[in-house]
Amino acid sequence: MKKQVLITLTAIFSMSFWLTSCNSGESNNESTNTVQEDSNPGAGQSAVQDDDSQKDVVKVAAGSADHTTLVTAIKAAEYVDVLSNAGPFTVFAPTNEAFAKLPKGTVEDLLKPENKEKLRNILEYHVFVGGIKTENMKDGQVLNEANLDNVTIGVKDGKYTVNGANIIVSVPASNGIIHIIDQVLLPPAKK
């Protein structure tokens, strides 16, 4: 995934350089799409300010009062730019209430800098690279997540689950789809 991010960022910067060098400096088109280079010179895709387009998966989650813990975790894992890229991504997004079901102190422990790799593994277990809507899910379907572990989809009586967690609602984003779930998915222990 890191290689894909590097390739994407290289393409974006190359295109920006090309567009800048081809532009005479005068433009009749005003746009709200800008890169906030002054505030964070090394910022990636997440630094693009775009008030017109559909929001990406990170911006959708950041706009939800029910996903503040998830957004905090994404920031702590330094995955904002990764999940702001083109995708498509299928994100299984636990609610704050789902995180609250974990044993006391678990979230706080995972947010510590020394536990970033553990946090990343858990977050990657919630992301499938590809876009899958619920109407395309099949009972027993296995998805290989970004951390290379599998989750299993359940479909019964019009209800959808992932590893037993209920998919409450699905929200489209510009770079994929978010399935809001009522449990945190924990990857299997490594053997």
Protein backbone atom coordinates (compact mmCIF):
# COMPACT_ATOMS: atom_id res chain seq x y z
CA MET A 1 0.00 0.00 0.00
CA LYS A 2 2.95 2.34 0.75
CA LYS A 3 4.26 1.84 -2.79
CA GLN A 4 0.82 2.74 -4.20
CA VAL A 5 0.74 5.91 -2.08
CA LEU A 6 4.23 6.90 -3.26
CA ILE A 7 3.28 6.35 -6.91
CA THR A 8 0.06 8.35 -6.47
CA LEU A 9 1.85 11.23 -4.76
CA THR A 10 4.57 11.27 -7.43
CA ALA A 11 1.92 11.45 -10.15
CA ILE A 12 0.09 14.27 -8.36
CA PHE A 13 3.26 16.32 -7.91
CA SER A 14 4.36 15.69 -11.51
CA MET A 15 0.96 16.78 -12.81
CA SER A 16 1.02 19.89 -10.59
CA PHE A 17 4.46 20.84 -11.91
CA TRP A 18 3.36 20.30 -15.49
CA LEU A 19 0.17 22.33 -15.03
CA THR A 20 2.08 25.14 -13.33
CA SER A 21 4.72 25.30 -16.05
CA CYS A 22 2.10 25.24 -18.82
CA ASN A 23 -0.04 27.95 -17.20
CA SER A 24 0.95 31.50 -18.13
CA GLY A 25 -0.17 32.70 -14.74
CA GLU A 26 -3.48 34.14 -15.94
CA SER A 27 -6.62 32.16 -15.42
CA ASN A 28 -10.27 32.94 -15.83
CA ASN A 29 -11.31 29.91 -13.79
CA GLU A 30 -11.60 30.39 -10.06
CA SER A 31 -11.79 27.24 -8.01
CA THR A 32 -12.12 26.28 -4.38
CA ASN A 33 -9.73 23.37 -4.93
CA THR A 34 -6.39 24.38 -3.46
CA VAL A 35 -3.43 22.83 -1.72
CA GLN A 36 -2.58 24.42 1.60
CA GLU A 37 1.17 24.31 1.04
CA ASP A 38 2.05 27.09 3.48
CA SER A 39 0.62 25.39 6.56
CA ASN A 40 2.10 21.93 5.90
CA PRO A 41 4.69 21.74 3.13
CA GLY A 42 4.91 17.92 3.23
CA ALA A 43 1.16 17.34 3.24
CA GLY A 44 -0.36 14.83 0.88
CA GLN A 45 -3.79 14.31 -0.62
CA SER A 46 -5.54 15.24 2.62
CA ALA A 47 -4.21 18.82 2.26
CA VAL A 48 -6.26 19.40 -0.87
CA GLN A 49 -9.12 21.68 0.06
CA ASP A 50 -12.14 20.84 -2.08
CA ASP A 51 -15.48 22.24 -1.03
CA ASP A 52 -17.28 21.21 -4.22
CA SER A 53 -16.66 17.49 -4.74
CA GLN A 54 -18.08 14.55 -2.84
CA LYS A 55 -16.06 13.91 0.34
CA ASP A 56 -13.52 11.07 0.57
CA VAL A 57 -13.81 8.36 3.26
CA VAL A 58 -11.72 10.31 5.78
CA LYS A 59 -13.71 13.53 5.34
CA VAL A 60 -16.99 11.62 5.62
CA ALA A 61 -15.82 10.02 8.88
CA ALA A 62 -14.47 13.35 10.17
CA GLY A 63 -17.89 14.89 9.58
CA SER A 64 -19.62 12.27 11.72
CA ALA A 65 -20.06 12.84 15.45
CA ASP A 66 -20.30 9.04 15.82
CA HIS A 67 -16.78 8.43 14.47
CA THR A 68 -14.51 10.74 16.48
CA THR A 69 -12.60 7.79 17.98
CA LEU A 70 -12.02 6.27 14.54
CA VAL A 71 -10.80 9.59 13.13
CA THR A 72 -8.46 10.04 16.12
CA ALA A 73 -7.08 6.55 15.46
CA ILE A 74 -6.60 7.24 11.74
CA LYS A 75 -4.67 10.40 12.60
CA ALA A 76 -2.54 8.63 15.25
CA ALA A 77 -1.68 5.90 12.72
CA GLU A 78 -0.79 8.57 10.15
CA TYR A 79 -3.26 7.10 7.64
CA VAL A 80 -5.18 10.26 6.74
CA ASP A 81 -3.34 10.72 3.43
CA VAL A 82 -3.49 7.02 2.55
CA LEU A 83 -7.27 6.90 2.96
CA SER A 84 -7.68 10.24 1.16
CA ASN A 85 -6.17 8.81 -2.03
CA ALA A 86 -8.19 7.68 -5.04
CA GLY A 87 -8.99 4.19 -3.77
CA PRO A 88 -11.48 2.73 -4.15
CA PHE A 89 -11.71 1.63 -0.53
CA THR A 90 -14.34 -0.27 1.37
CA VAL A 91 -14.06 0.89 4.98
CA PHE A 92 -15.81 -0.91 7.81
CA ALA A 93 -16.12 2.00 10.26
CA PRO A 94 -16.82 1.22 13.94
CA THR A 95 -18.81 3.82 15.83
CA ASN A 96 -17.63 5.48 19.04
CA GLU A 97 -20.02 3.14 20.84
CA ALA A 98 -18.30 0.14 19.23
CA PHE A 99 -14.90 1.37 20.50
CA ALA A 100 -16.43 1.85 23.95
CA LYS A 101 -17.23 -1.90 24.05
CA LEU A 102 -13.49 -2.72 24.08
CA PRO A 103 -11.90 -3.40 27.47
CA LYS A 104 -11.23 -0.23 29.44
CA GLY A 105 -7.96 1.47 28.45
CA THR A 106 -7.59 -0.40 25.14
CA VAL A 107 -8.15 2.60 22.88
CA GLU A 108 -5.92 4.86 24.98
CA ASP A 109 -3.17 2.23 24.88
CA LEU A 110 -3.42 1.82 21.09
CA LEU A 111 -3.14 5.58 20.58
CA LYS A 112 0.29 5.69 22.22
CA PRO A 113 3.14 6.28 19.72
CA GLU A 114 4.89 3.05 20.73
CA ASN A 115 1.77 1.08 19.68
CA LYS A 116 1.40 2.63 16.22
CA GLU A 117 2.07 -0.66 14.40
CA LYS A 118 -0.62 -2.48 16.44
CA LEU A 119 -3.05 0.36 15.72
CA ARG A 120 -2.21 0.26 12.03
CA ASN A 121 -2.81 -3.50 11.91
CA ILE A 122 -6.25 -3.05 13.46
CA LEU A 123 -7.17 -0.16 11.16
CA GLU A 124 -5.96 -2.04 8.09
CA TYR A 125 -8.21 -4.93 9.14
CA HIS A 126 -11.13 -2.54 8.58
CA VAL A 127 -10.14 -1.64 4.99
CA PHE A 128 -10.63 -3.58 1.79
CA VAL A 129 -8.92 -2.18 -1.30
CA GLY A 130 -11.82 -2.10 -3.75
CA GLY A 131 -15.38 -0.85 -3.59
CA ILE A 132 -18.05 -3.30 -2.43
CA LYS A 133 -21.63 -2.18 -1.92
CA THR A 134 -23.92 -4.30 0.26
CA GLU A 135 -26.00 -5.33 -2.76
CA ASN A 136 -22.86 -7.00 -4.15
CA MET A 137 -22.06 -8.88 -0.93
CA LYS A 138 -22.69 -12.60 -0.71
CA ASP A 139 -23.12 -14.76 2.37
CA GLY A 140 -19.82 -16.42 3.20
CA GLN A 141 -17.83 -14.07 0.95
CA VAL A 142 -14.24 -13.67 2.15
CA LEU A 143 -12.42 -10.35 1.76
CA ASN A 144 -8.67 -10.04 2.12
CA GLU A 145 -8.18 -6.81 4.04
CA ALA A 146 -5.32 -4.29 3.75
CA ASN A 147 -3.42 -6.04 6.57
CA LEU A 148 -3.65 -9.30 4.54
CA ASP A 149 -6.01 -11.01 7.01
CA ASN A 150 -9.48 -12.12 5.93
CA VAL A 151 -12.95 -11.07 7.04
CA THR A 152 -16.14 -12.93 6.23
CA ILE A 153 -19.35 -11.32 5.05
CA GLY A 154 -22.68 -12.61 6.32
CA VAL A 155 -26.00 -12.03 4.58
CA LYS A 156 -29.21 -13.25 6.16
CA ASP A 157 -32.78 -11.95 5.93
CA GLY A 158 -31.62 -8.73 4.26
CA LYS A 159 -29.12 -7.97 7.02
CA TYR A 160 -25.38 -7.73 6.42
CA THR A 161 -22.50 -8.48 8.77
CA VAL A 162 -18.72 -8.54 8.64
CA ASN A 163 -17.16 -11.05 11.06
CA GLY A 164 -20.44 -10.88 12.99
CA ALA A 165 -20.46 -7.07 13.31
CA ASN A 166 -23.69 -5.60 11.99
CA ILE A 167 -23.48 -3.23 9.05
CA ILE A 168 -25.82 -0.49 10.24
CA VAL A 169 -25.76 1.76 7.19
CA SER A 170 -23.57 2.37 4.16
CA VAL A 171 -22.34 5.80 3.08
CA PRO A 172 -20.83 6.46 -0.36
CA ALA A 173 -17.67 8.54 -0.63
CA SER A 174 -15.67 9.91 -3.54
CA ASN A 175 -13.04 7.20 -3.14
CA GLY A 176 -15.13 4.25 -2.02
CA ILE A 177 -17.80 3.31 0.46
CA ILE A 178 -18.07 3.30 4.23
CA HIS A 179 -20.03 0.57 5.98
CA ILE A 180 -20.77 1.70 9.52
CA ILE A 181 -20.49 -1.21 11.94
CA ASP A 182 -21.39 -1.77 15.59
CA GLN A 183 -18.18 -3.59 16.66
CA VAL A 184 -14.44 -3.13 16.29
CA LEU A 185 -12.94 -5.88 14.14
CA LEU A 186 -9.90 -7.42 15.78
CA PRO A 187 -7.43 -9.23 13.53
CA PRO A 188 -6.65 -12.86 14.28
CA ALA A 189 -3.56 -13.44 16.39
CA LYS A 190 -0.45 -14.10 14.31
CA LYS A 191 0.80 -17.68 14.58
